[in-house]
Amino acid sequence: MGKRMREINKVREPRLLAQYRSGGGIYDGPNFTPVKKDIKKSLLKEQGHLCAYCMARITAETMKVEHWACQQDNPELQLDYSNLLGCCKGSMGSKPIDQTCDTRKSNLALKFNPSRKQDHMETLIKFRGDGVIYSTDAEFSEQINSVLNLNKDRLVKNRFYLLESVRLKLSSKPGRRTAAEISRLLNEYIKYNARGQLKEYCGLVKYYLSH
């Protein structure tokens, strides 16, 4: 169950969304509030309450509903559940240089979609030991920085501190860790808690312990 930035398994769309769309509704149009509430609930569940891009914790109150293909250029996809992702607010209101994720992305395009199975997100995303994220695809690697700003200092430091905590656990006793020990440690990070939440940046740990 790999979770980096982020291969997301989409579930069936919320019933209220299907009904609203079939009735000719538009995104954020009349009577959309309960529909949006259901969308957020569904996105949180399938994403483990993590931002689809940076893997930080999100809640119904702190998240944004992101249109991977922007509404401005793709109005026909505004209510297509496969085009919707849950994201953090990405320092909304700050200068663009400090923004991340959907807030930084705005109407820009991304080459790959973390919820589109054929994009194989987990084979595209890599992490360096210092917490920097990049891609094996040169264009997408550039977009990670220019479109999503996922190597903003704060995010890199958060990932690095997490890696350091994992390294400390691995070195807590002398000798090499067995495969079973590594598997148990990995399970601490990739399992859902009782509230359906994954640990922040858990995909980084999976990558680190698998390489």
N, C-alpha and C. Protein backbone atom coordinates (compact mmCIF):
# COMPACT_ATOMS: atom_id res chain seq x y z
N MET A 1 0.86 -1.18 0.00
CA MET A 1 0.00 0.00 0.00
C MET A 1 0.90 1.23 0.00
N GLY A 2 1.50 1.55 -1.12
CA GLY A 2 2.46 2.64 -1.18
C GLY A 2 1.78 3.99 -1.17
N LYS A 3 2.35 4.93 -0.40
CA LYS A 3 1.81 6.27 -0.34
C LYS A 3 2.95 7.26 -0.41
N ARG A 4 3.26 7.73 -1.60
CA ARG A 4 4.22 8.82 -1.70
C ARG A 4 3.46 10.05 -2.06
N MET A 5 4.09 10.88 -2.91
CA MET A 5 3.28 11.90 -3.55
C MET A 5 2.85 11.30 -4.89
N ARG A 6 1.76 10.91 -4.77
CA ARG A 6 0.92 10.01 -4.04
C ARG A 6 0.15 9.23 -5.05
N GLU A 7 0.29 7.96 -5.07
CA GLU A 7 -0.55 7.13 -5.93
C GLU A 7 -1.85 6.86 -5.18
N ILE A 8 -2.94 7.44 -5.67
CA ILE A 8 -4.21 7.43 -4.96
C ILE A 8 -5.20 6.51 -5.67
N ASN A 9 -5.80 5.64 -4.91
CA ASN A 9 -6.82 4.75 -5.48
C ASN A 9 -8.19 5.39 -5.32
N LYS A 10 -8.76 5.86 -6.41
CA LYS A 10 -10.05 6.52 -6.36
C LYS A 10 -11.15 5.51 -6.03
N VAL A 11 -12.09 5.95 -5.20
CA VAL A 11 -13.24 5.12 -4.86
C VAL A 11 -14.43 5.60 -5.70
N ARG A 12 -15.56 4.95 -5.52
CA ARG A 12 -16.76 5.36 -6.25
C ARG A 12 -17.16 6.78 -5.83
N GLU A 13 -17.59 7.57 -6.78
CA GLU A 13 -17.94 8.96 -6.48
C GLU A 13 -19.11 9.03 -5.51
N PRO A 14 -19.18 10.10 -4.71
CA PRO A 14 -20.30 10.25 -3.78
C PRO A 14 -21.64 10.30 -4.52
N ARG A 15 -22.64 9.69 -3.92
CA ARG A 15 -23.96 9.64 -4.55
C ARG A 15 -24.53 11.04 -4.80
N LEU A 16 -24.35 11.94 -3.84
CA LEU A 16 -24.88 13.30 -4.00
C LEU A 16 -24.24 14.02 -5.18
N LEU A 17 -22.96 13.75 -5.42
CA LEU A 17 -22.28 14.37 -6.56
C LEU A 17 -22.89 13.89 -7.87
N ALA A 18 -23.12 12.59 -7.98
CA ALA A 18 -23.71 12.04 -9.21
C ALA A 18 -25.10 12.64 -9.45
N GLN A 19 -25.87 12.75 -8.38
CA GLN A 19 -27.22 13.31 -8.52
C GLN A 19 -27.16 14.79 -8.91
N TYR A 20 -26.27 15.52 -8.28
CA TYR A 20 -26.14 16.95 -8.55
C TYR A 20 -25.72 17.19 -10.00
N ARG A 21 -24.77 16.39 -10.47
CA ARG A 21 -24.29 16.52 -11.86
C ARG A 21 -25.40 16.18 -12.85
N SER A 22 -26.13 15.11 -12.58
CA SER A 22 -27.19 14.70 -13.50
C SER A 22 -28.32 15.72 -13.57
N GLY A 23 -28.43 16.54 -12.52
CA GLY A 23 -29.44 17.59 -12.51
C GLY A 23 -28.97 18.90 -13.14
N GLY A 24 -27.78 18.87 -13.73
CA GLY A 24 -27.27 20.05 -14.42
C GLY A 24 -26.57 21.05 -13.52
N GLY A 25 -26.19 20.62 -12.31
CA GLY A 25 -25.51 21.53 -11.39
C GLY A 25 -24.12 21.89 -11.85
N ILE A 26 -23.59 22.99 -11.31
CA ILE A 26 -22.23 23.42 -11.60
C ILE A 26 -21.44 23.50 -10.29
N TYR A 27 -20.13 23.42 -10.39
CA TYR A 27 -19.28 23.44 -9.20
C TYR A 27 -19.46 24.76 -8.46
N ASP A 28 -19.69 24.66 -7.15
CA ASP A 28 -19.95 25.81 -6.28
C ASP A 28 -21.20 26.59 -6.68
N GLY A 29 -22.11 25.92 -7.38
CA GLY A 29 -23.37 26.54 -7.74
C GLY A 29 -24.40 26.40 -6.63
N PRO A 30 -25.67 26.73 -6.94
CA PRO A 30 -26.74 26.62 -5.94
C PRO A 30 -26.85 25.20 -5.37
N ASN A 31 -27.06 25.12 -4.06
CA ASN A 31 -27.26 23.84 -3.37
C ASN A 31 -26.04 22.92 -3.42
N PHE A 32 -24.86 23.50 -3.63
CA PHE A 32 -23.66 22.68 -3.75
C PHE A 32 -23.03 22.35 -2.40
N THR A 33 -23.36 23.08 -1.36
CA THR A 33 -22.69 22.91 -0.06
C THR A 33 -22.71 21.47 0.45
N PRO A 34 -23.87 20.79 0.51
CA PRO A 34 -23.85 19.40 1.00
C PRO A 34 -23.09 18.46 0.05
N VAL A 35 -23.11 18.77 -1.24
CA VAL A 35 -22.37 17.96 -2.22
C VAL A 35 -20.87 18.09 -1.96
N LYS A 36 -20.41 19.31 -1.76
CA LYS A 36 -18.99 19.54 -1.50
C LYS A 36 -18.55 18.88 -0.20
N LYS A 37 -19.44 18.88 0.79
CA LYS A 37 -19.13 18.21 2.05
C LYS A 37 -18.90 16.73 1.83
N ASP A 38 -19.73 16.11 1.00
CA ASP A 38 -19.57 14.68 0.69
C ASP A 38 -18.31 14.43 -0.12
N ILE A 39 -17.99 15.33 -1.05
CA ILE A 39 -16.77 15.20 -1.83
C ILE A 39 -15.55 15.21 -0.92
N LYS A 40 -15.51 16.16 0.00
CA LYS A 40 -14.38 16.26 0.93
C LYS A 40 -14.27 14.99 1.78
N LYS A 41 -15.39 14.51 2.27
CA LYS A 41 -15.38 13.30 3.09
C LYS A 41 -14.80 12.12 2.32
N SER A 42 -15.19 11.99 1.08
CA SER A 42 -14.71 10.88 0.25
C SER A 42 -13.22 11.03 -0.06
N LEU A 43 -12.79 12.24 -0.39
CA LEU A 43 -11.38 12.48 -0.71
C LEU A 43 -10.50 12.22 0.51
N LEU A 44 -10.94 12.65 1.67
CA LEU A 44 -10.17 12.41 2.89
C LEU A 44 -10.00 10.92 3.15
N LYS A 45 -11.06 10.17 2.96
CA LYS A 45 -11.01 8.73 3.21
C LYS A 45 -10.04 8.05 2.27
N GLU A 46 -10.12 8.35 0.97
CA GLU A 46 -9.26 7.63 0.02
C GLU A 46 -7.80 8.10 0.07
N GLN A 47 -7.56 9.28 0.61
CA GLN A 47 -6.19 9.81 0.69
C GLN A 47 -5.59 9.69 2.08
N GLY A 48 -6.29 9.04 3.00
CA GLY A 48 -5.75 8.90 4.35
C GLY A 48 -5.59 10.21 5.07
N HIS A 49 -6.40 11.21 4.70
CA HIS A 49 -6.37 12.54 5.33
C HIS A 49 -5.03 13.24 5.11
N LEU A 50 -4.43 13.00 3.94
CA LEU A 50 -3.18 13.66 3.56
C LEU A 50 -3.36 14.41 2.25
N CYS A 51 -2.66 15.52 2.12
CA CYS A 51 -2.67 16.28 0.88
C CYS A 51 -2.17 15.40 -0.27
N ALA A 52 -2.84 15.48 -1.39
CA ALA A 52 -2.49 14.64 -2.54
C ALA A 52 -1.10 14.94 -3.08
N TYR A 53 -0.58 16.13 -2.80
CA TYR A 53 0.72 16.52 -3.35
C TYR A 53 1.85 16.48 -2.31
N CYS A 54 1.70 17.18 -1.20
CA CYS A 54 2.83 17.26 -0.25
C CYS A 54 2.75 16.23 0.87
N MET A 55 1.62 15.55 1.05
CA MET A 55 1.41 14.53 2.06
C MET A 55 1.30 15.07 3.48
N ALA A 56 1.03 16.38 3.62
CA ALA A 56 0.76 16.95 4.94
C ALA A 56 -0.66 16.62 5.36
N ARG A 57 -0.95 16.71 6.65
CA ARG A 57 -2.28 16.41 7.17
C ARG A 57 -3.30 17.43 6.68
N ILE A 58 -4.46 16.95 6.26
CA ILE A 58 -5.58 17.82 5.90
C ILE A 58 -6.83 17.35 6.64
N THR A 59 -7.74 18.29 6.85
CA THR A 59 -9.04 17.99 7.44
C THR A 59 -10.10 18.64 6.57
N ALA A 60 -11.35 18.36 6.85
CA ALA A 60 -12.43 18.98 6.09
C ALA A 60 -12.39 20.50 6.19
N GLU A 61 -11.88 21.00 7.32
CA GLU A 61 -11.82 22.45 7.53
C GLU A 61 -10.58 23.08 6.92
N THR A 62 -9.52 22.32 6.75
CA THR A 62 -8.25 22.91 6.28
C THR A 62 -7.89 22.52 4.85
N MET A 63 -8.75 21.78 4.18
CA MET A 63 -8.42 21.29 2.83
C MET A 63 -9.05 22.13 1.74
N LYS A 64 -8.54 21.96 0.54
CA LYS A 64 -9.14 22.49 -0.68
C LYS A 64 -9.49 21.31 -1.58
N VAL A 65 -10.51 21.47 -2.40
CA VAL A 65 -10.80 20.48 -3.43
C VAL A 65 -10.13 20.95 -4.70
N GLU A 66 -9.14 20.18 -5.13
CA GLU A 66 -8.32 20.53 -6.29
C GLU A 66 -8.86 19.88 -7.56
N HIS A 67 -8.91 20.67 -8.62
CA HIS A 67 -9.21 20.13 -9.95
C HIS A 67 -7.87 19.90 -10.65
N TRP A 68 -7.48 18.63 -10.81
CA TRP A 68 -6.19 18.35 -11.44
C TRP A 68 -6.11 19.00 -12.82
N ALA A 69 -7.11 18.80 -13.66
CA ALA A 69 -7.25 19.55 -14.90
C ALA A 69 -8.11 20.76 -14.56
N CYS A 70 -7.55 21.96 -14.67
CA CYS A 70 -8.18 23.15 -14.11
C CYS A 70 -9.54 23.43 -14.74
N GLN A 71 -10.42 24.00 -13.91
CA GLN A 71 -11.78 24.30 -14.36
C GLN A 71 -11.79 25.29 -15.52
N GLN A 72 -10.87 26.25 -15.49
CA GLN A 72 -10.86 27.30 -16.52
C GLN A 72 -10.72 26.71 -17.92
N ASP A 73 -9.85 25.73 -18.06
CA ASP A 73 -9.60 25.16 -19.39
C ASP A 73 -10.37 23.87 -19.64
N ASN A 74 -10.96 23.31 -18.58
CA ASN A 74 -11.66 22.02 -18.71
C ASN A 74 -12.99 22.06 -17.98
N PRO A 75 -13.90 22.95 -18.37
CA PRO A 75 -15.17 23.08 -17.65
C PRO A 75 -15.99 21.80 -17.63
N GLU A 76 -15.79 20.95 -18.63
CA GLU A 76 -16.55 19.70 -18.69
C GLU A 76 -16.13 18.72 -17.60
N LEU A 77 -15.00 18.98 -16.94
CA LEU A 77 -14.49 18.08 -15.90
C LEU A 77 -14.71 18.63 -14.49
N GLN A 78 -15.43 19.74 -14.37
CA GLN A 78 -15.55 20.40 -13.07
C GLN A 78 -16.24 19.53 -12.02
N LEU A 79 -17.12 18.61 -12.47
CA LEU A 79 -17.81 17.71 -11.54
C LEU A 79 -17.45 16.25 -11.78
N ASP A 80 -16.34 16.03 -12.46
CA ASP A 80 -15.85 14.67 -12.71
C ASP A 80 -15.01 14.25 -11.51
N TYR A 81 -15.50 13.26 -10.76
CA TYR A 81 -14.82 12.89 -9.52
C TYR A 81 -13.39 12.42 -9.75
N SER A 82 -13.12 11.82 -10.90
CA SER A 82 -11.76 11.35 -11.19
C SER A 82 -10.78 12.51 -11.34
N ASN A 83 -11.29 13.72 -11.50
CA ASN A 83 -10.45 14.91 -11.66
C ASN A 83 -10.26 15.65 -10.34
N LEU A 84 -10.86 15.17 -9.25
CA LEU A 84 -10.83 15.87 -7.98
C LEU A 84 -9.85 15.24 -7.00
N LEU A 85 -9.10 16.10 -6.31
CA LEU A 85 -8.13 15.68 -5.30
C LEU A 85 -8.30 16.55 -4.06
N GLY A 86 -7.93 16.02 -2.91
CA GLY A 86 -7.92 16.80 -1.68
C GLY A 86 -6.53 17.34 -1.43
N CYS A 87 -6.42 18.64 -1.21
CA CYS A 87 -5.11 19.27 -1.01
C CYS A 87 -5.11 20.19 0.20
N CYS A 88 -3.92 20.46 0.71
CA CYS A 88 -3.77 21.45 1.76
C CYS A 88 -3.96 22.84 1.16
N LYS A 89 -4.02 23.84 2.01
CA LYS A 89 -4.23 25.20 1.50
C LYS A 89 -2.95 25.85 0.99
N GLY A 90 -1.82 25.19 1.20
CA GLY A 90 -0.59 25.61 0.53
C GLY A 90 -0.19 27.05 0.75
N SER A 91 -0.31 27.55 2.00
CA SER A 91 0.04 28.93 2.33
C SER A 91 -0.75 29.93 1.49
N MET A 92 -2.03 29.64 1.32
CA MET A 92 -2.90 30.53 0.57
C MET A 92 -2.89 31.93 1.19
N GLY A 93 -2.78 32.95 0.35
CA GLY A 93 -2.70 34.32 0.81
C GLY A 93 -1.28 34.84 0.91
N SER A 94 -0.29 33.94 0.86
CA SER A 94 1.11 34.34 0.88
C SER A 94 1.59 34.68 -0.52
N LYS A 95 2.80 35.15 -0.64
CA LYS A 95 3.39 35.42 -1.94
C LYS A 95 3.55 34.10 -2.70
N PRO A 96 3.44 34.13 -4.03
CA PRO A 96 3.56 32.88 -4.80
C PRO A 96 4.81 32.07 -4.49
N ILE A 97 5.91 32.73 -4.17
CA ILE A 97 7.15 32.01 -3.88
C ILE A 97 7.02 31.13 -2.64
N ASP A 98 6.07 31.48 -1.75
CA ASP A 98 5.87 30.71 -0.52
C ASP A 98 4.72 29.73 -0.62
N GLN A 99 3.99 29.75 -1.71
CA GLN A 99 2.83 28.87 -1.87
C GLN A 99 3.25 27.48 -2.37
N THR A 100 2.41 26.49 -2.06
CA THR A 100 2.68 25.12 -2.51
C THR A 100 1.38 24.48 -3.00
N CYS A 101 1.53 23.31 -3.58
CA CYS A 101 0.41 22.43 -3.92
C CYS A 101 -0.61 23.12 -4.82
N ASP A 102 -1.88 22.93 -4.58
CA ASP A 102 -2.92 23.48 -5.45
C ASP A 102 -2.90 24.99 -5.49
N THR A 103 -2.60 25.65 -4.37
CA THR A 103 -2.57 27.11 -4.33
C THR A 103 -1.51 27.64 -5.28
N ARG A 104 -0.34 27.03 -5.27
CA ARG A 104 0.75 27.43 -6.18
C ARG A 104 0.40 27.04 -7.63
N LYS A 105 -0.18 25.88 -7.79
CA LYS A 105 -0.49 25.35 -9.12
C LYS A 105 -1.49 26.21 -9.86
N SER A 106 -2.54 26.65 -9.18
CA SER A 106 -3.59 27.48 -9.79
C SER A 106 -4.10 26.82 -11.06
N ASN A 107 -4.00 27.49 -12.20
CA ASN A 107 -4.51 26.95 -13.46
C ASN A 107 -3.43 26.29 -14.32
N LEU A 108 -2.25 26.09 -13.76
CA LEU A 108 -1.17 25.46 -14.52
C LEU A 108 -1.43 23.97 -14.68
N ALA A 109 -0.79 23.39 -15.67
CA ALA A 109 -0.98 21.96 -15.97
C ALA A 109 0.11 21.13 -15.32
N LEU A 110 -0.25 19.90 -14.95
CA LEU A 110 0.72 18.91 -14.49
C LEU A 110 0.73 17.75 -15.46
N LYS A 111 1.91 17.20 -15.69
CA LYS A 111 2.03 16.11 -16.64
C LYS A 111 1.37 14.83 -16.14
N PHE A 112 1.44 14.58 -14.84
CA PHE A 112 0.93 13.34 -14.28
C PHE A 112 -0.07 13.62 -13.16
N ASN A 113 -1.02 12.69 -13.02
CA ASN A 113 -2.08 12.78 -12.01
C ASN A 113 -1.88 11.66 -11.00
N PRO A 114 -1.74 11.98 -9.70
CA PRO A 114 -1.50 10.93 -8.71
C PRO A 114 -2.64 9.93 -8.57
N SER A 115 -3.82 10.24 -9.09
CA SER A 115 -4.94 9.28 -8.98
C SER A 115 -5.22 8.56 -10.29
N ARG A 116 -4.38 8.75 -11.29
CA ARG A 116 -4.56 8.08 -12.57
C ARG A 116 -3.61 6.88 -12.63
N LYS A 117 -4.17 5.69 -12.57
CA LYS A 117 -3.36 4.48 -12.42
C LYS A 117 -2.29 4.35 -13.50
N GLN A 118 -2.62 4.71 -14.73
CA GLN A 118 -1.67 4.52 -15.83
C GLN A 118 -0.45 5.44 -15.72
N ASP A 119 -0.51 6.43 -14.83
CA ASP A 119 0.64 7.30 -14.65
C ASP A 119 1.70 6.68 -13.74
N HIS A 120 1.34 5.64 -13.00
CA HIS A 120 2.31 4.90 -12.17
C HIS A 120 3.15 5.84 -11.31
N MET A 121 2.48 6.64 -10.52
CA MET A 121 3.15 7.67 -9.74
C MET A 121 4.29 7.13 -8.88
N GLU A 122 4.12 5.93 -8.35
CA GLU A 122 5.14 5.41 -7.44
C GLU A 122 6.46 5.10 -8.13
N THR A 123 6.43 4.88 -9.44
CA THR A 123 7.69 4.65 -10.16
C THR A 123 8.33 5.96 -10.59
N LEU A 124 7.56 7.05 -10.55
CA LEU A 124 8.05 8.36 -11.00
C LEU A 124 8.72 9.16 -9.90
N ILE A 125 8.29 8.97 -8.65
CA ILE A 125 8.71 9.82 -7.55
C ILE A 125 9.87 9.20 -6.78
N LYS A 126 10.88 10.04 -6.51
CA LYS A 126 12.04 9.62 -5.74
C LYS A 126 12.32 10.66 -4.66
N PHE A 127 13.07 10.23 -3.62
CA PHE A 127 13.46 11.14 -2.55
C PHE A 127 14.96 11.01 -2.30
N ARG A 128 15.60 12.15 -2.08
CA ARG A 128 17.00 12.14 -1.66
C ARG A 128 17.08 12.02 -0.14
N GLY A 129 18.25 11.69 0.36
CA GLY A 129 18.42 11.52 1.79
C GLY A 129 18.24 12.78 2.60
N ASP A 130 18.31 13.95 1.92
CA ASP A 130 18.12 15.22 2.62
C ASP A 130 16.68 15.70 2.58
N GLY A 131 15.76 14.87 2.03
CA GLY A 131 14.35 15.23 2.02
C GLY A 131 13.85 15.85 0.74
N VAL A 132 14.73 16.05 -0.22
CA VAL A 132 14.32 16.63 -1.50
C VAL A 132 13.57 15.59 -2.33
N ILE A 133 12.48 16.02 -2.95
CA ILE A 133 11.67 15.15 -3.80
C ILE A 133 11.95 15.48 -5.27
N TYR A 134 11.99 14.45 -6.12
CA TYR A 134 12.21 14.67 -7.55
C TYR A 134 11.57 13.53 -8.32
N SER A 135 11.65 13.60 -9.64
CA SER A 135 11.04 12.56 -10.47
C SER A 135 12.05 12.03 -11.48
N THR A 136 11.83 10.79 -11.89
CA THR A 136 12.65 10.20 -12.95
C THR A 136 12.31 10.81 -14.30
N ASP A 137 11.16 11.46 -14.40
CA ASP A 137 10.75 12.15 -15.61
C ASP A 137 11.20 13.61 -15.50
N ALA A 138 12.04 14.08 -16.40
CA ALA A 138 12.66 15.40 -16.29
C ALA A 138 11.62 16.52 -16.28
N GLU A 139 10.61 16.43 -17.13
CA GLU A 139 9.59 17.48 -17.19
C GLU A 139 8.79 17.53 -15.89
N PHE A 140 8.40 16.37 -15.40
CA PHE A 140 7.63 16.34 -14.16
C PHE A 140 8.48 16.78 -12.98
N SER A 141 9.76 16.44 -12.99
CA SER A 141 10.66 16.85 -11.93
C SER A 141 10.73 18.37 -11.86
N GLU A 142 10.75 19.02 -13.02
CA GLU A 142 10.75 20.48 -13.05
C GLU A 142 9.43 21.03 -12.53
N GLN A 143 8.32 20.35 -12.85
CA GLN A 143 7.00 20.79 -12.39
C GLN A 143 6.85 20.63 -10.88
N ILE A 144 7.49 19.64 -10.30
CA ILE A 144 7.46 19.47 -8.85
C ILE A 144 7.92 20.74 -8.16
N ASN A 145 8.88 21.43 -8.77
CA ASN A 145 9.39 22.67 -8.20
C ASN A 145 8.64 23.90 -8.69
N SER A 146 8.46 24.03 -9.99
CA SER A 146 7.90 25.26 -10.54
C SER A 146 6.39 25.36 -10.39
N VAL A 147 5.68 24.23 -10.45
CA VAL A 147 4.22 24.23 -10.39
C VAL A 147 3.73 23.97 -8.96
N LEU A 148 4.32 22.99 -8.27
CA LEU A 148 3.85 22.60 -6.95
C LEU A 148 4.71 23.14 -5.80
N ASN A 149 5.94 23.50 -6.09
CA ASN A 149 6.86 24.03 -5.07
C ASN A 149 7.03 23.06 -3.90
N LEU A 150 7.16 21.78 -4.21
CA LEU A 150 7.25 20.77 -3.16
C LEU A 150 8.62 20.69 -2.49
N ASN A 151 9.58 21.44 -3.01
CA ASN A 151 10.88 21.50 -2.34
C ASN A 151 11.07 22.84 -1.63
N LYS A 152 9.97 23.45 -1.26
CA LYS A 152 10.02 24.62 -0.37
C LYS A 152 10.73 24.21 0.92
N ASP A 153 11.52 25.11 1.48
CA ASP A 153 12.35 24.79 2.64
C ASP A 153 11.59 24.07 3.74
N ARG A 154 10.41 24.55 4.07
CA ARG A 154 9.64 23.96 5.18
C ARG A 154 9.33 22.49 4.91
N LEU A 155 8.93 22.17 3.68
CA LEU A 155 8.58 20.80 3.35
C LEU A 155 9.81 19.89 3.34
N VAL A 156 10.91 20.39 2.79
CA VAL A 156 12.14 19.60 2.77
C VAL A 156 12.60 19.31 4.20
N LYS A 157 12.54 20.31 5.07
CA LYS A 157 12.94 20.11 6.46
C LYS A 157 12.03 19.10 7.16
N ASN A 158 10.73 19.19 6.92
CA ASN A 158 9.81 18.23 7.53
C ASN A 158 10.13 16.80 7.11
N ARG A 159 10.41 16.63 5.81
CA ARG A 159 10.74 15.28 5.32
C ARG A 159 12.08 14.81 5.88
N PHE A 160 13.05 15.73 5.96
CA PHE A 160 14.36 15.36 6.49
C PHE A 160 14.26 14.95 7.95
N TYR A 161 13.50 15.71 8.75
CA TYR A 161 13.36 15.37 10.18
C TYR A 161 12.69 14.00 10.34
N LEU A 162 11.74 13.70 9.46
CA LEU A 162 11.11 12.38 9.52
C LEU A 162 12.12 11.29 9.20
N LEU A 163 12.93 11.53 8.17
CA LEU A 163 13.97 10.55 7.83
C LEU A 163 14.94 10.35 8.98
N GLU A 164 15.30 11.43 9.64
CA GLU A 164 16.23 11.33 10.77
C GLU A 164 15.63 10.49 11.89
N SER A 165 14.34 10.64 12.13
CA SER A 165 13.70 9.84 13.19
C SER A 165 13.69 8.36 12.81
N VAL A 166 13.50 8.06 11.53
CA VAL A 166 13.53 6.67 11.07
C VAL A 166 14.95 6.11 11.21
N ARG A 167 15.94 6.91 10.85
CA ARG A 167 17.33 6.47 10.97
C ARG A 167 17.70 6.17 12.41
N LEU A 168 17.19 6.99 13.33
CA LEU A 168 17.46 6.76 14.75
C LEU A 168 16.86 5.44 15.21
N LYS A 169 15.66 5.15 14.75
CA LYS A 169 15.02 3.89 15.11
C LYS A 169 15.81 2.71 14.56
N LEU A 170 16.32 2.86 13.34
CA LEU A 170 17.09 1.77 12.73
C LEU A 170 18.42 1.54 13.45
N SER A 171 18.96 2.60 14.04
CA SER A 171 20.26 2.48 14.70
C SER A 171 20.14 2.34 16.22
N SER A 172 18.93 2.02 16.69
CA SER A 172 18.69 1.96 18.13
C SER A 172 19.41 0.78 18.79
N LYS A 173 19.86 -0.17 18.01
CA LYS A 173 20.66 -1.27 18.54
C LYS A 173 21.72 -1.64 17.51
N PRO A 174 22.80 -2.25 17.93
CA PRO A 174 23.89 -2.56 17.00
C PRO A 174 23.51 -3.62 15.98
N GLY A 175 24.25 -3.64 14.87
CA GLY A 175 24.03 -4.65 13.85
C GLY A 175 23.01 -4.21 12.82
N ARG A 176 22.86 -5.03 11.80
CA ARG A 176 21.92 -4.74 10.73
C ARG A 176 20.51 -5.15 11.14
N ARG A 177 19.53 -4.41 10.66
CA ARG A 177 18.13 -4.75 10.94
C ARG A 177 17.71 -5.89 10.02
N THR A 178 16.92 -6.82 10.56
CA THR A 178 16.41 -7.92 9.75
C THR A 178 15.27 -7.43 8.87
N ALA A 179 14.92 -8.22 7.87
CA ALA A 179 13.80 -7.87 7.00
C ALA A 179 12.51 -7.75 7.79
N ALA A 180 12.34 -8.60 8.79
CA ALA A 180 11.13 -8.56 9.62
C ALA A 180 11.08 -7.26 10.44
N GLU A 181 12.22 -6.82 10.96
CA GLU A 181 12.27 -5.58 11.73
C GLU A 181 11.94 -4.38 10.85
N ILE A 182 12.48 -4.36 9.64
CA ILE A 182 12.21 -3.27 8.71
C ILE A 182 10.74 -3.27 8.32
N SER A 183 10.19 -4.47 8.13
CA SER A 183 8.79 -4.58 7.77
C SER A 183 7.89 -4.04 8.88
N ARG A 184 8.22 -4.34 10.12
CA ARG A 184 7.44 -3.85 11.26
C ARG A 184 7.53 -2.33 11.36
N LEU A 185 8.71 -1.79 11.13
CA LEU A 185 8.89 -0.34 11.17
C LEU A 185 8.10 0.32 10.05
N LEU A 186 8.17 -0.26 8.87
CA LEU A 186 7.43 0.29 7.74
C LEU A 186 5.93 0.30 8.03
N ASN A 187 5.45 -0.76 8.64
CA ASN A 187 4.02 -0.88 8.93
C ASN A 187 3.54 0.21 9.88
N GLU A 188 4.44 0.70 10.73
CA GLU A 188 4.07 1.79 11.62
C GLU A 188 3.69 3.05 10.85
N TYR A 189 4.25 3.20 9.68
CA TYR A 189 4.06 4.44 8.91
C TYR A 189 3.01 4.33 7.81
N ILE A 190 2.77 3.14 7.31
CA ILE A 190 1.85 3.04 6.17
C ILE A 190 0.48 2.47 6.55
N LYS A 191 0.28 2.17 7.82
CA LYS A 191 -1.04 1.67 8.22
C LYS A 191 -1.94 2.84 8.61
N TYR A 192 -3.24 2.64 8.43
CA TYR A 192 -4.23 3.64 8.81
C TYR A 192 -4.52 3.52 10.30
N ASN A 193 -4.72 4.65 10.97
CA ASN A 193 -5.12 4.59 12.37
C ASN A 193 -6.63 4.41 12.48
N ALA A 194 -7.15 4.44 13.70
CA ALA A 194 -8.57 4.18 13.91
C ALA A 194 -9.47 5.21 13.25
N ARG A 195 -8.91 6.39 12.94
CA ARG A 195 -9.69 7.44 12.28
C ARG A 195 -9.49 7.47 10.77
N GLY A 196 -8.84 6.43 10.26
CA GLY A 196 -8.62 6.36 8.82
C GLY A 196 -7.52 7.25 8.32
N GLN A 197 -6.62 7.66 9.19
CA GLN A 197 -5.54 8.57 8.82
C GLN A 197 -4.22 7.83 8.62
N LEU A 198 -3.46 8.29 7.65
CA LEU A 198 -2.08 7.86 7.47
C LEU A 198 -1.16 8.89 8.12
N LYS A 199 0.05 8.49 8.44
CA LYS A 199 1.03 9.43 8.98
C LYS A 199 1.48 10.39 7.89
N GLU A 200 1.74 11.64 8.27
CA GLU A 200 2.23 12.61 7.32
C GLU A 200 3.53 12.13 6.67
N TYR A 201 3.67 12.39 5.37
CA TYR A 201 4.88 12.08 4.60
C TYR A 201 5.24 10.59 4.62
N CYS A 202 4.24 9.75 4.84
CA CYS A 202 4.50 8.31 4.99
C CYS A 202 5.13 7.71 3.73
N GLY A 203 4.84 8.28 2.57
CA GLY A 203 5.43 7.74 1.35
C GLY A 203 6.93 7.85 1.31
N LEU A 204 7.45 8.88 1.95
CA LEU A 204 8.90 9.04 2.04
C LEU A 204 9.53 7.88 2.80
N VAL A 205 8.90 7.47 3.89
CA VAL A 205 9.43 6.36 4.68
C VAL A 205 9.38 5.07 3.89
N LYS A 206 8.29 4.85 3.17
CA LYS A 206 8.19 3.65 2.36
C LYS A 206 9.31 3.61 1.32
N TYR A 207 9.54 4.74 0.68
CA TYR A 207 10.62 4.81 -0.32
C TYR A 207 11.97 4.52 0.33
N TYR A 208 12.23 5.16 1.45
CA TYR A 208 13.52 5.01 2.12
C TYR A 208 13.78 3.58 2.57
N LEU A 209 12.77 2.95 3.14
CA LEU A 209 12.95 1.59 3.65
C LEU A 209 12.92 0.54 2.57
N SER A 210 12.54 0.94 1.36
CA SER A 210 12.47 -0.01 0.24
C SER A 210 13.66 0.09 -0.68
N HIS A 211 14.57 1.00 -0.41
CA HIS A 211 15.72 1.21 -1.30
C HIS A 211 17.03 1.14 -0.53
